[in-house]
Amino acid sequence: MQDRPTSLELIRAVREALELEVAPGLADARLRYRVLIAANVLGIVERELPGEDERLAAEFRALDALLGHEERRAPETLAALRQAVLDDARELCERIRRGEADAEPWRARVLACARETVAAKLAIDNPSAL
């Protein structure tokens, strides 16, 4: 573990400098837009890092329950957990393409899971869209 400033403190400092100091002073609208995009990306990372493992574990549990994999244990590492969530999401997409989510009661469960997942992702990517 590094001393202070932490990674999040560094990200926040750079984002704030871009938003509050750099962007307002730019006459070139195209460059100002790019600086604000960079600041937005840093804001996403700033919101994503804290609690990432808990959010991924919750998504893993929700997808596994939906797909009928309740007996699986969550992977130990963050990288393996990301991969497991990605694999489950791909399996869900394939099952939707095959028409398995067209009929109740699984359709309702798929829609509820999708709503929860989208809301969790929007809370990180674009909280104002909630």
N, C-alpha and C. Protein backbone atom coordinates (compact mmCIF):
# COMPACT_ATOMS: atom_id res chain seq x y z
N MET A 1 0.84 -1.17 0.00
CA MET A 1 0.00 0.00 0.00
C MET A 1 0.88 1.24 0.00
N GLN A 2 0.53 2.19 -0.80
CA GLN A 2 1.27 3.44 -0.90
C GLN A 2 0.81 4.41 0.19
N ASP A 3 1.68 5.35 0.50
CA ASP A 3 1.33 6.40 1.43
C ASP A 3 0.44 7.42 0.72
N ARG A 4 0.13 8.47 1.42
CA ARG A 4 -0.71 9.51 0.84
C ARG A 4 0.12 10.36 -0.11
N PRO A 5 -0.41 10.89 -1.14
CA PRO A 5 -1.82 10.79 -1.50
C PRO A 5 -2.17 9.40 -2.07
N THR A 6 -3.39 8.98 -1.81
CA THR A 6 -3.85 7.70 -2.33
C THR A 6 -4.15 7.83 -3.82
N SER A 7 -4.37 6.71 -4.45
CA SER A 7 -4.72 6.73 -5.88
C SER A 7 -5.97 7.55 -6.12
N LEU A 8 -6.97 7.38 -5.28
CA LEU A 8 -8.21 8.15 -5.43
C LEU A 8 -7.98 9.63 -5.23
N GLU A 9 -7.14 10.00 -4.27
CA GLU A 9 -6.84 11.41 -4.06
C GLU A 9 -6.13 12.01 -5.27
N LEU A 10 -5.24 11.25 -5.87
CA LEU A 10 -4.54 11.72 -7.08
C LEU A 10 -5.52 11.90 -8.23
N ILE A 11 -6.39 10.92 -8.42
CA ILE A 11 -7.37 11.00 -9.50
C ILE A 11 -8.27 12.22 -9.30
N ARG A 12 -8.74 12.40 -8.07
CA ARG A 12 -9.62 13.53 -7.77
C ARG A 12 -8.91 14.86 -8.04
N ALA A 13 -7.65 14.96 -7.64
CA ALA A 13 -6.89 16.20 -7.84
C ALA A 13 -6.74 16.53 -9.32
N VAL A 14 -6.43 15.52 -10.12
CA VAL A 14 -6.28 15.74 -11.56
C VAL A 14 -7.62 16.12 -12.19
N ARG A 15 -8.69 15.40 -11.80
CA ARG A 15 -10.02 15.70 -12.34
C ARG A 15 -10.42 17.14 -12.00
N GLU A 16 -10.24 17.52 -10.75
CA GLU A 16 -10.62 18.88 -10.34
C GLU A 16 -9.79 19.93 -11.06
N ALA A 17 -8.51 19.67 -11.25
CA ALA A 17 -7.66 20.63 -11.97
C ALA A 17 -8.14 20.77 -13.41
N LEU A 18 -8.47 19.67 -14.05
CA LEU A 18 -8.95 19.74 -15.43
C LEU A 18 -10.27 20.51 -15.52
N GLU A 19 -11.20 20.17 -14.63
CA GLU A 19 -12.53 20.81 -14.66
C GLU A 19 -12.50 22.28 -14.26
N LEU A 20 -11.78 22.58 -13.19
CA LEU A 20 -11.88 23.91 -12.59
C LEU A 20 -10.80 24.89 -13.05
N GLU A 21 -9.66 24.37 -13.50
CA GLU A 21 -8.56 25.27 -13.86
C GLU A 21 -8.22 25.23 -15.35
N VAL A 22 -8.11 24.04 -15.91
CA VAL A 22 -7.67 23.93 -17.30
C VAL A 22 -8.81 24.25 -18.27
N ALA A 23 -9.92 23.53 -18.18
CA ALA A 23 -11.02 23.69 -19.14
C ALA A 23 -11.53 25.13 -19.23
N PRO A 24 -11.79 25.82 -18.12
CA PRO A 24 -12.32 27.18 -18.23
C PRO A 24 -11.38 28.15 -18.95
N GLY A 25 -10.07 27.88 -18.94
CA GLY A 25 -9.11 28.77 -19.56
C GLY A 25 -8.83 28.48 -21.03
N LEU A 26 -9.48 27.47 -21.58
CA LEU A 26 -9.21 27.10 -22.97
C LEU A 26 -10.15 27.82 -23.93
N ALA A 27 -9.56 28.50 -24.91
CA ALA A 27 -10.36 29.21 -25.91
C ALA A 27 -10.84 28.25 -26.99
N ASP A 28 -10.08 27.21 -27.26
CA ASP A 28 -10.41 26.24 -28.29
C ASP A 28 -11.52 25.31 -27.77
N ALA A 29 -12.73 25.43 -28.33
CA ALA A 29 -13.88 24.66 -27.85
C ALA A 29 -13.64 23.16 -28.00
N ARG A 30 -12.98 22.77 -29.08
CA ARG A 30 -12.71 21.35 -29.31
C ARG A 30 -11.77 20.79 -28.24
N LEU A 31 -10.75 21.52 -27.91
CA LEU A 31 -9.81 21.10 -26.88
C LEU A 31 -10.47 21.12 -25.50
N ARG A 32 -11.29 22.14 -25.23
CA ARG A 32 -12.01 22.21 -23.96
C ARG A 32 -12.93 21.00 -23.80
N TYR A 33 -13.60 20.61 -24.89
CA TYR A 33 -14.47 19.43 -24.87
C TYR A 33 -13.65 18.18 -24.54
N ARG A 34 -12.49 18.03 -25.14
CA ARG A 34 -11.65 16.86 -24.86
C ARG A 34 -11.15 16.84 -23.41
N VAL A 35 -10.83 17.99 -22.88
CA VAL A 35 -10.39 18.07 -21.49
C VAL A 35 -11.55 17.67 -20.56
N LEU A 36 -12.75 18.13 -20.88
CA LEU A 36 -13.91 17.77 -20.05
C LEU A 36 -14.24 16.28 -20.17
N ILE A 37 -14.03 15.70 -21.32
CA ILE A 37 -14.20 14.24 -21.48
C ILE A 37 -13.19 13.51 -20.59
N ALA A 38 -11.95 13.97 -20.60
CA ALA A 38 -10.93 13.34 -19.76
C ALA A 38 -11.30 13.48 -18.29
N ALA A 39 -11.81 14.62 -17.88
CA ALA A 39 -12.23 14.82 -16.49
C ALA A 39 -13.40 13.90 -16.16
N ASN A 40 -14.31 13.71 -17.10
CA ASN A 40 -15.44 12.81 -16.88
C ASN A 40 -14.96 11.37 -16.70
N VAL A 41 -14.01 10.95 -17.51
CA VAL A 41 -13.44 9.60 -17.38
C VAL A 41 -12.81 9.44 -16.00
N LEU A 42 -12.10 10.43 -15.54
CA LEU A 42 -11.50 10.35 -14.20
C LEU A 42 -12.58 10.28 -13.13
N GLY A 43 -13.70 10.99 -13.33
CA GLY A 43 -14.81 10.91 -12.39
C GLY A 43 -15.40 9.52 -12.33
N ILE A 44 -15.51 8.86 -13.47
CA ILE A 44 -16.01 7.49 -13.51
C ILE A 44 -15.08 6.57 -12.73
N VAL A 45 -13.78 6.70 -12.98
CA VAL A 45 -12.79 5.86 -12.27
C VAL A 45 -12.85 6.15 -10.77
N GLU A 46 -13.00 7.41 -10.42
CA GLU A 46 -13.08 7.82 -9.02
C GLU A 46 -14.28 7.16 -8.31
N ARG A 47 -15.40 7.03 -9.02
CA ARG A 47 -16.58 6.38 -8.44
C ARG A 47 -16.48 4.86 -8.50
N GLU A 48 -15.77 4.34 -9.50
CA GLU A 48 -15.72 2.90 -9.71
C GLU A 48 -14.80 2.17 -8.73
N LEU A 49 -13.66 2.74 -8.44
CA LEU A 49 -12.66 2.04 -7.62
C LEU A 49 -13.16 1.67 -6.22
N PRO A 50 -13.74 2.61 -5.47
CA PRO A 50 -14.22 2.21 -4.14
C PRO A 50 -15.40 1.25 -4.25
N GLY A 51 -15.29 0.12 -3.64
CA GLY A 51 -16.40 -0.84 -3.63
C GLY A 51 -16.54 -1.68 -4.89
N GLU A 52 -15.55 -1.62 -5.77
CA GLU A 52 -15.65 -2.39 -7.02
C GLU A 52 -15.82 -3.88 -6.74
N ASP A 53 -15.05 -4.41 -5.81
CA ASP A 53 -15.14 -5.84 -5.53
C ASP A 53 -16.51 -6.22 -4.98
N GLU A 54 -17.11 -5.38 -4.14
CA GLU A 54 -18.45 -5.67 -3.62
C GLU A 54 -19.50 -5.64 -4.72
N ARG A 55 -19.39 -4.65 -5.61
CA ARG A 55 -20.36 -4.56 -6.71
C ARG A 55 -20.24 -5.76 -7.66
N LEU A 56 -19.00 -6.15 -7.96
CA LEU A 56 -18.80 -7.31 -8.83
C LEU A 56 -19.31 -8.58 -8.16
N ALA A 57 -19.07 -8.74 -6.87
CA ALA A 57 -19.55 -9.92 -6.15
C ALA A 57 -21.07 -9.97 -6.16
N ALA A 58 -21.72 -8.82 -5.99
CA ALA A 58 -23.18 -8.78 -6.03
C ALA A 58 -23.70 -9.15 -7.42
N GLU A 59 -23.04 -8.64 -8.46
CA GLU A 59 -23.45 -8.98 -9.83
C GLU A 59 -23.22 -10.46 -10.11
N PHE A 60 -22.11 -10.98 -9.61
CA PHE A 60 -21.82 -12.41 -9.76
C PHE A 60 -22.92 -13.25 -9.13
N ARG A 61 -23.30 -12.90 -7.89
CA ARG A 61 -24.35 -13.66 -7.19
C ARG A 61 -25.68 -13.56 -7.92
N ALA A 62 -26.02 -12.37 -8.40
CA ALA A 62 -27.30 -12.18 -9.10
C ALA A 62 -27.33 -12.98 -10.41
N LEU A 63 -26.26 -12.92 -11.17
CA LEU A 63 -26.22 -13.67 -12.43
C LEU A 63 -26.21 -15.17 -12.18
N ASP A 64 -25.44 -15.61 -11.20
CA ASP A 64 -25.40 -17.04 -10.90
C ASP A 64 -26.76 -17.56 -10.47
N ALA A 65 -27.47 -16.79 -9.64
CA ALA A 65 -28.81 -17.20 -9.21
C ALA A 65 -29.75 -17.26 -10.41
N LEU A 66 -29.66 -16.27 -11.28
CA LEU A 66 -30.50 -16.23 -12.47
C LEU A 66 -30.22 -17.40 -13.41
N LEU A 67 -28.95 -17.73 -13.55
CA LEU A 67 -28.54 -18.79 -14.48
C LEU A 67 -28.58 -20.18 -13.86
N GLY A 68 -28.86 -20.25 -12.57
CA GLY A 68 -28.93 -21.55 -11.91
C GLY A 68 -27.58 -22.08 -11.46
N HIS A 69 -26.64 -21.20 -11.20
CA HIS A 69 -25.30 -21.59 -10.75
C HIS A 69 -25.10 -21.31 -9.27
N GLU A 70 -26.15 -21.42 -8.46
CA GLU A 70 -26.09 -20.99 -7.06
C GLU A 70 -24.99 -21.66 -6.25
N GLU A 71 -24.56 -22.81 -6.62
CA GLU A 71 -23.58 -23.55 -5.80
C GLU A 71 -22.15 -23.08 -6.02
N ARG A 72 -21.90 -22.26 -7.01
CA ARG A 72 -20.54 -21.79 -7.28
C ARG A 72 -20.08 -20.78 -6.24
N ARG A 73 -18.82 -20.86 -5.88
CA ARG A 73 -18.22 -19.86 -5.00
C ARG A 73 -17.65 -18.74 -5.86
N ALA A 74 -17.70 -17.55 -5.33
CA ALA A 74 -17.12 -16.40 -6.03
C ALA A 74 -15.61 -16.59 -6.13
N PRO A 75 -15.03 -16.23 -7.25
CA PRO A 75 -13.57 -16.32 -7.39
C PRO A 75 -12.86 -15.47 -6.35
N GLU A 76 -11.64 -15.85 -6.05
CA GLU A 76 -10.85 -15.20 -4.98
C GLU A 76 -10.26 -13.85 -5.40
N THR A 77 -9.82 -13.74 -6.67
CA THR A 77 -9.16 -12.51 -7.09
C THR A 77 -10.14 -11.62 -7.85
N LEU A 78 -9.83 -10.34 -7.86
CA LEU A 78 -10.67 -9.38 -8.56
C LEU A 78 -10.68 -9.67 -10.06
N ALA A 79 -9.54 -10.02 -10.62
CA ALA A 79 -9.47 -10.33 -12.06
C ALA A 79 -10.32 -11.55 -12.39
N ALA A 80 -10.25 -12.57 -11.56
CA ALA A 80 -11.06 -13.78 -11.80
C ALA A 80 -12.54 -13.49 -11.62
N LEU A 81 -12.87 -12.62 -10.67
CA LEU A 81 -14.27 -12.24 -10.46
C LEU A 81 -14.80 -11.47 -11.67
N ARG A 82 -13.99 -10.54 -12.19
CA ARG A 82 -14.39 -9.82 -13.41
C ARG A 82 -14.67 -10.80 -14.56
N GLN A 83 -13.77 -11.76 -14.71
CA GLN A 83 -13.93 -12.74 -15.80
C GLN A 83 -15.18 -13.59 -15.59
N ALA A 84 -15.45 -14.00 -14.37
CA ALA A 84 -16.64 -14.81 -14.08
C ALA A 84 -17.92 -14.04 -14.38
N VAL A 85 -17.95 -12.75 -14.02
CA VAL A 85 -19.12 -11.92 -14.32
C VAL A 85 -19.27 -11.78 -15.84
N LEU A 86 -18.18 -11.56 -16.54
CA LEU A 86 -18.23 -11.46 -17.99
C LEU A 86 -18.73 -12.76 -18.62
N ASP A 87 -18.22 -13.88 -18.14
CA ASP A 87 -18.66 -15.18 -18.66
C ASP A 87 -20.15 -15.40 -18.40
N ASP A 88 -20.62 -15.06 -17.19
CA ASP A 88 -22.04 -15.21 -16.87
C ASP A 88 -22.90 -14.30 -17.75
N ALA A 89 -22.43 -13.07 -17.97
CA ALA A 89 -23.18 -12.14 -18.81
C ALA A 89 -23.27 -12.66 -20.25
N ARG A 90 -22.19 -13.24 -20.73
CA ARG A 90 -22.22 -13.83 -22.08
C ARG A 90 -23.19 -15.01 -22.15
N GLU A 91 -23.19 -15.84 -21.11
CA GLU A 91 -24.13 -16.95 -21.07
C GLU A 91 -25.57 -16.43 -21.06
N LEU A 92 -25.83 -15.40 -20.27
CA LEU A 92 -27.17 -14.83 -20.22
C LEU A 92 -27.57 -14.29 -21.59
N CYS A 93 -26.68 -13.59 -22.25
CA CYS A 93 -26.98 -13.06 -23.59
C CYS A 93 -27.30 -14.19 -24.56
N GLU A 94 -26.52 -15.25 -24.51
CA GLU A 94 -26.76 -16.39 -25.40
C GLU A 94 -28.13 -17.02 -25.13
N ARG A 95 -28.47 -17.16 -23.87
CA ARG A 95 -29.77 -17.74 -23.53
C ARG A 95 -30.92 -16.82 -23.96
N ILE A 96 -30.71 -15.51 -23.87
CA ILE A 96 -31.73 -14.57 -24.35
C ILE A 96 -31.87 -14.70 -25.87
N ARG A 97 -30.73 -14.79 -26.59
CA ARG A 97 -30.78 -14.95 -28.05
C ARG A 97 -31.52 -16.22 -28.46
N ARG A 98 -31.39 -17.27 -27.67
CA ARG A 98 -32.08 -18.53 -27.97
C ARG A 98 -33.57 -18.47 -27.64
N GLY A 99 -34.01 -17.36 -27.05
CA GLY A 99 -35.42 -17.21 -26.75
C GLY A 99 -35.85 -17.70 -25.39
N GLU A 100 -34.88 -18.07 -24.54
CA GLU A 100 -35.24 -18.61 -23.23
C GLU A 100 -35.88 -17.57 -22.31
N ALA A 101 -35.67 -16.28 -22.59
CA ALA A 101 -36.24 -15.23 -21.74
C ALA A 101 -37.55 -14.69 -22.31
N ASP A 102 -38.10 -15.37 -23.31
CA ASP A 102 -39.34 -14.88 -23.92
C ASP A 102 -40.58 -15.24 -23.11
N ALA A 103 -40.47 -16.22 -22.24
CA ALA A 103 -41.65 -16.69 -21.50
C ALA A 103 -41.44 -16.49 -20.00
N GLU A 104 -42.56 -16.31 -19.33
CA GLU A 104 -42.54 -16.19 -17.86
C GLU A 104 -42.32 -17.56 -17.26
N PRO A 105 -41.82 -17.69 -16.09
CA PRO A 105 -41.46 -16.64 -15.14
C PRO A 105 -40.02 -16.15 -15.28
N TRP A 106 -39.24 -16.84 -16.13
CA TRP A 106 -37.83 -16.46 -16.24
C TRP A 106 -37.68 -15.07 -16.85
N ARG A 107 -38.57 -14.70 -17.74
CA ARG A 107 -38.52 -13.38 -18.37
C ARG A 107 -38.53 -12.28 -17.31
N ALA A 108 -39.42 -12.38 -16.34
CA ALA A 108 -39.51 -11.37 -15.28
C ALA A 108 -38.22 -11.32 -14.47
N ARG A 109 -37.63 -12.47 -14.21
CA ARG A 109 -36.39 -12.52 -13.44
C ARG A 109 -35.24 -11.88 -14.23
N VAL A 110 -35.20 -12.13 -15.54
CA VAL A 110 -34.16 -11.55 -16.40
C VAL A 110 -34.31 -10.02 -16.41
N LEU A 111 -35.53 -9.55 -16.59
CA LEU A 111 -35.76 -8.10 -16.62
C LEU A 111 -35.39 -7.44 -15.29
N ALA A 112 -35.74 -8.08 -14.18
CA ALA A 112 -35.39 -7.52 -12.86
C ALA A 112 -33.88 -7.47 -12.68
N CYS A 113 -33.20 -8.52 -13.09
CA CYS A 113 -31.73 -8.56 -12.99
C CYS A 113 -31.12 -7.48 -13.88
N ALA A 114 -31.64 -7.32 -15.08
CA ALA A 114 -31.13 -6.30 -16.00
C ALA A 114 -31.33 -4.90 -15.42
N ARG A 115 -32.50 -4.65 -14.84
CA ARG A 115 -32.76 -3.33 -14.23
C ARG A 115 -31.76 -3.04 -13.11
N GLU A 116 -31.54 -4.01 -12.24
CA GLU A 116 -30.59 -3.84 -11.13
C GLU A 116 -29.18 -3.59 -11.65
N THR A 117 -28.78 -4.35 -12.65
CA THR A 117 -27.43 -4.23 -13.20
C THR A 117 -27.23 -2.87 -13.86
N VAL A 118 -28.21 -2.43 -14.65
CA VAL A 118 -28.11 -1.14 -15.32
C VAL A 118 -28.07 -0.01 -14.30
N ALA A 119 -28.91 -0.08 -13.27
CA ALA A 119 -28.91 0.96 -12.24
C ALA A 119 -27.56 1.03 -11.53
N ALA A 120 -26.98 -0.13 -11.22
CA ALA A 120 -25.67 -0.15 -10.55
C ALA A 120 -24.60 0.44 -11.45
N LYS A 121 -24.65 0.14 -12.72
CA LYS A 121 -23.64 0.66 -13.65
C LYS A 121 -23.83 2.17 -13.88
N LEU A 122 -25.09 2.62 -13.97
CA LEU A 122 -25.35 4.05 -14.13
C LEU A 122 -24.90 4.85 -12.92
N ALA A 123 -25.01 4.26 -11.74
CA ALA A 123 -24.56 4.95 -10.52
C ALA A 123 -23.07 5.28 -10.60
N ILE A 124 -22.33 4.50 -11.36
CA ILE A 124 -20.90 4.75 -11.55
C ILE A 124 -20.66 5.62 -12.78
N ASP A 125 -21.23 5.22 -13.90
CA ASP A 125 -20.93 5.87 -15.18
C ASP A 125 -21.59 7.24 -15.35
N ASN A 126 -22.83 7.37 -14.88
CA ASN A 126 -23.56 8.60 -15.08
C ASN A 126 -24.67 8.73 -14.04
N PRO A 127 -24.32 9.05 -12.79
CA PRO A 127 -25.30 9.08 -11.72
C PRO A 127 -26.49 10.00 -11.98
N SER A 128 -26.27 11.05 -12.74
CA SER A 128 -27.38 11.99 -13.02
C SER A 128 -28.45 11.36 -13.90
N ALA A 129 -28.12 10.27 -14.60
CA ALA A 129 -29.11 9.58 -15.45
C ALA A 129 -30.11 8.76 -14.64
N LEU A 130 -29.80 8.52 -13.37
CA LEU A 130 -30.72 7.78 -12.52
C LEU A 130 -31.87 8.69 -12.16
